[in-house]
C-alpha cells in the first residue's frame, strides 16, 4: 500500500514512469498498471493528499482482489 501511495505522489510531482521505477525498484509495467487503476479511481495531478490515500487503498484492493479471483492451475 505504501509503495502505491509513493508512486501516486511521485507521479503527481511530475516524475515519469521510468524515473519512478528507477527510484522505487518497481517494474515500469507495474507502475503503469497502478497509475491506470488510479486514474479510474479518480487520480489526477490535482488530487488532494486525503484523496491520494483513498485512491491508493482502492488500487491496492483492486490488485489484490483481482489476484484472488484468478483461477489456479488445478481449476
PDB file of N, CA and C in Angstrom:
ATOM      1  N   UNK A   1       0.826  -1.191   0.000  1.00  0.00           N
ATOM      2  CA  UNK A   1       0.000   0.000   0.000  1.00  0.00           C
ATOM      3  C   UNK A   1       0.869   1.254   0.000  1.00  0.00           C
ATOM      4  N   UNK A   2       1.925   1.229   0.814  1.00  0.00           N
ATOM      5  CA  UNK A   2       2.816   2.390   0.894  1.00  0.00           C
ATOM      6  C   UNK A   2       3.490   2.652  -0.442  1.00  0.00           C
ATOM      7  N   UNK A   3       3.871   1.581  -1.150  1.00  0.00           N
ATOM      8  CA  UNK A   3       4.530   1.773  -2.438  1.00  0.00           C
ATOM      9  C   UNK A   3       3.572   2.385  -3.462  1.00  0.00           C
ATOM     10  N   UNK A   4       2.296   2.012  -3.405  1.00  0.00           N
ATOM     11  CA  UNK A   4       1.309   2.591  -4.320  1.00  0.00           C
ATOM     12  C   UNK A   4       1.151   4.080  -4.035  1.00  0.00           C
ATOM     13  N   UNK A   5       1.073   4.422  -2.766  1.00  0.00           N
ATOM     14  CA  UNK A   5       0.958   5.831  -2.372  1.00  0.00           C
ATOM     15  C   UNK A   5       2.196   6.608  -2.829  1.00  0.00           C
ATOM     16  N   UNK A   6       3.370   6.004  -2.694  1.00  0.00           N
ATOM     17  CA  UNK A   6       4.621   6.647  -3.134  1.00  0.00           C
ATOM     18  C   UNK A   6       4.603   6.875  -4.647  1.00  0.00           C
ATOM     19  N   UNK A   7       4.127   5.890  -5.391  1.00  0.00           N
ATOM     20  CA  UNK A   7       4.038   6.020  -6.850  1.00  0.00           C
ATOM     21  C   UNK A   7       3.104   7.168  -7.220  1.00  0.00           C
ATOM     22  N   UNK A   8       1.956   7.247  -6.555  1.00  0.00           N
ATOM     23  CA  UNK A   8       0.995   8.314  -6.852  1.00  0.00           C
ATOM     24  C   UNK A   8       1.576   9.683  -6.525  1.00  0.00           C
ATOM     25  N   UNK A   9       2.257   9.794  -5.400  1.00  0.00           N
ATOM     26  CA  UNK A   9       2.867  11.076  -5.024  1.00  0.00           C
ATOM     27  C   UNK A   9       3.953  11.480  -6.018  1.00  0.00           C
ATOM     28  N   UNK A  10       4.753  10.531  -6.437  1.00  0.00           N
ATOM     29  CA  UNK A  10       5.817  10.839  -7.404  1.00  0.00           C
ATOM     30  C   UNK A  10       5.234  11.226  -8.759  1.00  0.00           C
ATOM     31  N   UNK A  11       4.179  10.522  -9.191  1.00  0.00           N
ATOM     32  CA  UNK A  11       3.523  10.862 -10.463  1.00  0.00           C
ATOM     33  C   UNK A  11       2.902  12.249 -10.371  1.00  0.00           C
ATOM     34  N   UNK A  12       2.318  12.550  -9.235  1.00  0.00           N
ATOM     35  CA  UNK A  12       1.707  13.859  -9.032  1.00  0.00           C
ATOM     36  C   UNK A  12       2.759  14.962  -9.061  1.00  0.00           C
ATOM     37  N   UNK A  13       3.969  14.651  -8.605  1.00  0.00           N
ATOM     38  CA  UNK A  13       5.055  15.629  -8.602  1.00  0.00           C
ATOM     39  C   UNK A  13       5.678  15.802  -9.990  1.00  0.00           C
ATOM     40  N   UNK A  14       5.242  14.971 -10.947  1.00  0.00           N
ATOM     41  CA  UNK A  14       5.730  15.115 -12.311  1.00  0.00           C
ATOM     42  C   UNK A  14       6.801  14.118 -12.709  1.00  0.00           C
ATOM     43  N   UNK A  15       7.124  13.166 -11.826  1.00  0.00           N
ATOM     44  CA  UNK A  15       8.116  12.147 -12.181  1.00  0.00           C
ATOM     45  C   UNK A  15       7.539  11.245 -13.266  1.00  0.00           C
ATOM     46  N   UNK A  16       8.384  10.841 -14.190  1.00  0.00           N
ATOM     47  CA  UNK A  16       7.966   9.933 -15.255  1.00  0.00           C
ATOM     48  C   UNK A  16       8.052   8.497 -14.761  1.00  0.00           C
ATOM     49  N   UNK A  17       7.364   7.593 -15.460  1.00  0.00           N
ATOM     50  CA  UNK A  17       7.327   6.181 -15.049  1.00  0.00           C
ATOM     51  C   UNK A  17       8.732   5.590 -14.929  1.00  0.00           C
ATOM     52  N   UNK A  18       9.596   5.898 -15.865  1.00  0.00           N
ATOM     53  CA  UNK A  18      10.966   5.369 -15.836  1.00  0.00           C
ATOM     54  C   UNK A  18      11.703   5.854 -14.587  1.00  0.00           C
ATOM     55  N   UNK A  19      11.539   7.106 -14.259  1.00  0.00           N
ATOM     56  CA  UNK A  19      12.193   7.683 -13.083  1.00  0.00           C
ATOM     57  C   UNK A  19      11.625   7.066 -11.798  1.00  0.00           C
ATOM     58  N   UNK A  20      10.321   6.877 -11.755  1.00  0.00           N
ATOM     59  CA  UNK A  20       9.693   6.258 -10.587  1.00  0.00           C
ATOM     60  C   UNK A  20      10.204   4.827 -10.431  1.00  0.00           C
ATOM     61  N   UNK A  21      10.296   4.106 -11.529  1.00  0.00           N
ATOM     62  CA  UNK A  21      10.785   2.725 -11.494  1.00  0.00           C
ATOM     63  C   UNK A  21      12.219   2.667 -10.971  1.00  0.00           C
ATOM     64  N   UNK A  22      13.038   3.551 -11.457  1.00  0.00           N
ATOM     65  CA  UNK A  22      14.442   3.557 -11.035  1.00  0.00           C
ATOM     66  C   UNK A  22      14.568   3.889  -9.544  1.00  0.00           C
ATOM     67  N   UNK A  23      13.767   4.825  -9.074  1.00  0.00           N
ATOM     68  CA  UNK A  23      13.833   5.255  -7.682  1.00  0.00           C
ATOM     69  C   UNK A  23      13.250   4.220  -6.733  1.00  0.00           C
ATOM     70  N   UNK A  24      12.135   3.599  -7.126  1.00  0.00           N
ATOM     71  CA  UNK A  24      11.436   2.684  -6.226  1.00  0.00           C
ATOM     72  C   UNK A  24      11.853   1.225  -6.394  1.00  0.00           C
ATOM     73  N   UNK A  25      12.419   0.891  -7.553  1.00  0.00           N
ATOM     74  CA  UNK A  25      12.769  -0.504  -7.821  1.00  0.00           C
ATOM     75  C   UNK A  25      11.576  -1.333  -8.276  1.00  0.00           C
ATOM     76  N   UNK A  26      10.475  -0.670  -8.598  1.00  0.00           N
ATOM     77  CA  UNK A  26       9.268  -1.350  -9.067  1.00  0.00           C
ATOM     78  C   UNK A  26       9.259  -1.322 -10.591  1.00  0.00           C
ATOM     79  N   UNK A  27       8.869  -2.427 -11.188  1.00  0.00           N
ATOM     80  CA  UNK A  27       8.840  -2.559 -12.644  1.00  0.00           C
ATOM     81  C   UNK A  27       7.949  -1.494 -13.286  1.00  0.00           C
ATOM     82  N   UNK A  28       8.375  -0.973 -14.432  1.00  0.00           N
ATOM     83  CA  UNK A  28       7.596   0.066 -15.115  1.00  0.00           C
ATOM     84  C   UNK A  28       6.198  -0.400 -15.492  1.00  0.00           C
ATOM     85  N   UNK A  29       6.058  -1.674 -15.867  1.00  0.00           N
ATOM     86  CA  UNK A  29       4.733  -2.178 -16.221  1.00  0.00           C
ATOM     87  C   UNK A  29       3.802  -2.180 -15.011  1.00  0.00           C
ATOM     88  N   UNK A  30       4.341  -2.485 -13.845  1.00  0.00           N
ATOM     89  CA  UNK A  30       3.554  -2.447 -12.614  1.00  0.00           C
ATOM     90  C   UNK A  30       3.148  -1.012 -12.310  1.00  0.00           C
ATOM     91  N   UNK A  31       4.066  -0.090 -12.468  1.00  0.00           N
ATOM     92  CA  UNK A  31       3.765   1.326 -12.239  1.00  0.00           C
ATOM     93  C   UNK A  31       2.689   1.790 -13.208  1.00  0.00           C
ATOM     94  N   UNK A  32       2.810   1.409 -14.464  1.00  0.00           N
ATOM     95  CA  UNK A  32       1.813   1.764 -15.475  1.00  0.00           C
ATOM     96  C   UNK A  32       0.437   1.218 -15.070  1.00  0.00           C
ATOM     97  N   UNK A  33       0.396  -0.040 -14.622  1.00  0.00           N
ATOM     98  CA  UNK A  33      -0.857  -0.666 -14.198  1.00  0.00           C
ATOM     99  C   UNK A  33      -1.462   0.088 -13.014  1.00  0.00           C
ATOM    100  N   UNK A  34      -0.647   0.397 -12.009  1.00  0.00           N
ATOM    101  CA  UNK A  34      -1.139   1.106 -10.829  1.00  0.00           C
ATOM    102  C   UNK A  34      -1.670   2.486 -11.203  1.00  0.00           C
ATOM    103  N   UNK A  35      -0.972   3.189 -12.079  1.00  0.00           N
ATOM    104  CA  UNK A  35      -1.415   4.530 -12.466  1.00  0.00           C
ATOM    105  C   UNK A  35      -2.711   4.483 -13.275  1.00  0.00           C
ATOM    106  N   UNK A  36      -2.876   3.470 -14.121  1.00  0.00           N
ATOM    107  CA  UNK A  36      -4.127   3.334 -14.869  1.00  0.00           C
ATOM    108  C   UNK A  36      -5.286   3.054 -13.923  1.00  0.00           C
ATOM    109  N   UNK A  37      -5.065   2.164 -12.972  1.00  0.00           N
ATOM    110  CA  UNK A  37      -6.105   1.868 -11.987  1.00  0.00           C
ATOM    111  C   UNK A  37      -6.429   3.106 -11.158  1.00  0.00           C
ATOM    112  N   UNK A  38      -5.393   3.861 -10.806  1.00  0.00           N
ATOM    113  CA  UNK A  38      -5.588   5.075 -10.014  1.00  0.00           C
ATOM    114  C   UNK A  38      -6.409   6.103 -10.787  1.00  0.00           C
ATOM    115  N   UNK A  39      -6.167   6.230 -12.082  1.00  0.00           N
ATOM    116  CA  UNK A  39      -6.938   7.169 -12.905  1.00  0.00           C
ATOM    117  C   UNK A  39      -8.409   6.777 -12.936  1.00  0.00           C
ATOM    118  N   UNK A  40      -8.680   5.483 -13.015  1.00  0.00           N
ATOM    119  CA  UNK A  40     -10.059   5.008 -12.989  1.00  0.00           C
ATOM    120  C   UNK A  40     -10.720   5.378 -11.653  1.00  0.00           C
ATOM    121  N   UNK A  41      -9.913   5.386 -10.592  1.00  0.00           N
ATOM    122  CA  UNK A  41     -10.418   5.710  -9.246  1.00  0.00           C
ATOM    123  C   UNK A  41     -10.458   7.214  -8.994  1.00  0.00           C
ATOM    124  N   UNK A  42     -10.077   8.018  -9.984  1.00  0.00           N
ATOM    125  CA  UNK A  42     -10.187   9.465  -9.848  1.00  0.00           C
ATOM    126  C   UNK A  42      -8.881  10.206  -9.630  1.00  0.00           C
ATOM    127  N   UNK A  43      -7.751   9.535  -9.778  1.00  0.00           N
ATOM    128  CA  UNK A  43      -6.453  10.193  -9.584  1.00  0.00           C
ATOM    129  C   UNK A  43      -6.196  11.224 -10.670  1.00  0.00           C
ATOM    130  N   UNK A  44      -5.789  12.421 -10.258  1.00  0.00           N
ATOM    131  CA  UNK A  44      -5.350  13.482 -11.167  1.00  0.00           C
ATOM    132  C   UNK A  44      -4.148  14.167 -10.533  1.00  0.00           C
ATOM    133  N   UNK A  45      -3.414  14.942 -11.304  1.00  0.00           N
ATOM    134  CA  UNK A  45      -2.300  15.691 -10.717  1.00  0.00           C
ATOM    135  C   UNK A  45      -2.737  16.664  -9.625  1.00  0.00           C
ATOM    136  N   UNK A  46      -4.024  16.978  -9.567  1.00  0.00           N
ATOM    137  CA  UNK A  46      -4.532  17.921  -8.577  1.00  0.00           C
ATOM    138  C   UNK A  46      -5.225  17.247  -7.396  1.00  0.00           C
ATOM    139  N   UNK A  47      -5.159  15.918  -7.313  1.00  0.00           N
ATOM    140  CA  UNK A  47      -5.804  15.204  -6.210  1.00  0.00           C
ATOM    141  C   UNK A  47      -5.217  15.643  -4.874  1.00  0.00           C
ATOM    142  N   UNK A  48      -6.084  15.805  -3.890  1.00  0.00           N
ATOM    143  CA  UNK A  48      -5.635  16.222  -2.558  1.00  0.00           C
ATOM    144  C   UNK A  48      -4.931  15.070  -1.851  1.00  0.00           C
ATOM    145  N   UNK A  49      -4.099  15.375  -0.851  1.00  0.00           N
ATOM    146  CA  UNK A  49      -3.407  14.322  -0.095  1.00  0.00           C
ATOM    147  C   UNK A  49      -4.378  13.310   0.527  1.00  0.00           C
ATOM    148  N   UNK A  50      -5.520  13.775   1.018  1.00  0.00           N
ATOM    149  CA  UNK A  50      -6.503  12.867   1.597  1.00  0.00           C
ATOM    150  C   UNK A  50      -7.054  11.918   0.533  1.00  0.00           C
ATOM    151  N   UNK A  51      -7.295  12.454  -0.640  1.00  0.00           N
ATOM    152  CA  UNK A  51      -7.813  11.648  -1.738  1.00  0.00           C
ATOM    153  C   UNK A  51      -6.776  10.641  -2.210  1.00  0.00           C
ATOM    154  N   UNK A  52      -5.497  11.010  -2.195  1.00  0.00           N
ATOM    155  CA  UNK A  52      -4.438  10.084  -2.619  1.00  0.00           C
ATOM    156  C   UNK A  52      -4.465   8.811  -1.797  1.00  0.00           C
ATOM    157  N   UNK A  53      -4.648   8.947  -0.499  1.00  0.00           N
ATOM    158  CA  UNK A  53      -4.682   7.772   0.376  1.00  0.00           C
ATOM    159  C   UNK A  53      -5.859   6.868   0.004  1.00  0.00           C
ATOM    160  N   UNK A  54      -7.002   7.448  -0.231  1.00  0.00           N
ATOM    161  CA  UNK A  54      -8.189   6.679  -0.621  1.00  0.00           C
ATOM    162  C   UNK A  54      -7.984   5.983  -1.963  1.00  0.00           C
ATOM    163  N   UNK A  55      -7.373   6.689  -2.905  1.00  0.00           N
ATOM    164  CA  UNK A  55      -7.124   6.117  -4.229  1.00  0.00           C
ATOM    165  C   UNK A  55      -6.120   4.979  -4.125  1.00  0.00           C
ATOM    166  N   UNK A  56      -5.057   5.174  -3.346  1.00  0.00           N
ATOM    167  CA  UNK A  56      -4.049   4.124  -3.163  1.00  0.00           C
ATOM    168  C   UNK A  56      -4.686   2.876  -2.559  1.00  0.00           C
ATOM    169  N   UNK A  57      -5.570   3.060  -1.614  1.00  0.00           N
ATOM    170  CA  UNK A  57      -6.261   1.936  -0.994  1.00  0.00           C
ATOM    171  C   UNK A  57      -7.147   1.220  -2.011  1.00  0.00           C
ATOM    172  N   UNK A  58      -7.833   1.978  -2.853  1.00  0.00           N
ATOM    173  CA  UNK A  58      -8.680   1.386  -3.888  1.00  0.00           C
ATOM    174  C   UNK A  58      -7.844   0.588  -4.889  1.00  0.00           C
ATOM    175  N   UNK A  59      -6.687   1.116  -5.279  1.00  0.00           N
ATOM    176  CA  UNK A  59      -5.795   0.403  -6.201  1.00  0.00           C
ATOM    177  C   UNK A  59      -5.298  -0.879  -5.546  1.00  0.00           C
ATOM    178  N   UNK A  60      -4.893  -0.781  -4.279  1.00  0.00           N
ATOM    179  CA  UNK A  60      -4.415  -1.946  -3.533  1.00  0.00           C
ATOM    180  C   UNK A  60      -5.484  -3.035  -3.512  1.00  0.00           C
ATOM    181  N   UNK A  61      -6.700  -2.651  -3.186  1.00  0.00           N
ATOM    182  CA  UNK A  61      -7.803  -3.624  -3.143  1.00  0.00           C
ATOM    183  C   UNK A  61      -8.053  -4.229  -4.508  1.00  0.00           C
ATOM    184  N   UNK A  62      -8.039  -3.395  -5.539  1.00  0.00           N
ATOM    185  CA  UNK A  62      -8.299  -3.888  -6.889  1.00  0.00           C
ATOM    186  C   UNK A  62      -7.239  -4.899  -7.320  1.00  0.00           C
ATOM    187  N   UNK A  63      -5.998  -4.603  -7.035  1.00  0.00           N
ATOM    188  CA  UNK A  63      -4.899  -5.505  -7.408  1.00  0.00           C
ATOM    189  C   UNK A  63      -5.028  -6.825  -6.657  1.00  0.00           C
ATOM    190  N   UNK A  64      -5.291  -6.770  -5.374  1.00  0.00           N
ATOM    191  CA  UNK A  64      -5.345  -7.992  -4.582  1.00  0.00           C
ATOM    192  C   UNK A  64      -6.627  -8.783  -4.785  1.00  0.00           C
ATOM    193  N   UNK A  65      -7.724  -8.107  -5.043  1.00  0.00           N
ATOM    194  CA  UNK A  65      -8.963  -8.827  -5.328  1.00  0.00           C
ATOM    195  C   UNK A  65      -8.856  -9.533  -6.672  1.00  0.00           C
ATOM    196  N   UNK A  66      -8.305  -8.870  -7.677  1.00  0.00           N
ATOM    197  CA  UNK A  66      -8.177  -9.499  -8.990  1.00  0.00           C
ATOM    198  C   UNK A  66      -7.195 -10.664  -8.932  1.00  0.00           C
ATOM    199  N   UNK A  67      -6.162 -10.592  -8.083  1.00  0.00           N
ATOM    200  CA  UNK A  67      -5.232 -11.714  -7.924  1.00  0.00           C
ATOM    201  C   UNK A  67      -5.925 -12.891  -7.256  1.00  0.00           C
ATOM    202  N   UNK A  68      -6.813 -12.625  -6.319  1.00  0.00           N
ATOM    203  CA  UNK A  68      -7.544 -13.689  -5.627  1.00  0.00           C
ATOM    204  C   UNK A  68      -8.534 -14.378  -6.547  1.00  0.00           C
ATOM    205  N   UNK A  69      -9.015 -13.678  -7.550  1.00  0.00           N
ATOM    206  CA  UNK A  69     -10.032 -14.230  -8.447  1.00  0.00           C
ATOM    207  C   UNK A  69      -9.444 -15.047  -9.582  1.00  0.00           C
ATOM    208  N   UNK A  70      -8.146 -14.962  -9.810  1.00  0.00           N
ATOM    209  CA  UNK A  70      -7.539 -15.721 -10.908  1.00  0.00           C
ATOM    210  C   UNK A  70      -7.613 -17.201 -10.600  1.00  0.00           C
ATOM    211  N   UNK A  71      -8.069 -18.006 -11.552  1.00  0.00           N
ATOM    212  CA  UNK A  71      -8.164 -19.441 -11.301  1.00  0.00           C
ATOM    213  C   UNK A  71      -6.780 -20.068 -11.148  1.00  0.00           C
ATOM    214  N   UNK A  72      -6.690 -21.048 -10.289  1.00  0.00           N
ATOM    215  CA  UNK A  72      -5.420 -21.741 -10.108  1.00  0.00           C
ATOM    216  C   UNK A  72      -5.234 -22.735 -11.226  1.00  0.00           C
ATOM    217  N   UNK A  73      -4.047 -23.324 -11.315  1.00  0.00           N
ATOM    218  CA  UNK A  73      -3.731 -24.277 -12.369  1.00  0.00           C
ATOM    219  C   UNK A  73      -4.574 -25.543 -12.241  1.00  0.00           C
ATOM    220  N   UNK A  74      -5.099 -25.834 -11.052  1.00  0.00           N
ATOM    221  CA  UNK A  74      -5.888 -27.036 -10.814  1.00  0.00           C
ATOM    222  C   UNK A  74      -7.342 -26.878 -11.221  1.00  0.00           C
ATOM    223  N   UNK A  75      -7.788 -25.669 -11.478  1.00  0.00           N
ATOM    224  CA  UNK A  75      -9.194 -25.459 -11.823  1.00  0.00           C
ATOM    225  C   UNK A  75      -9.431 -25.563 -13.293  1.00  0.00           C
TER     226      UNK A  75
END
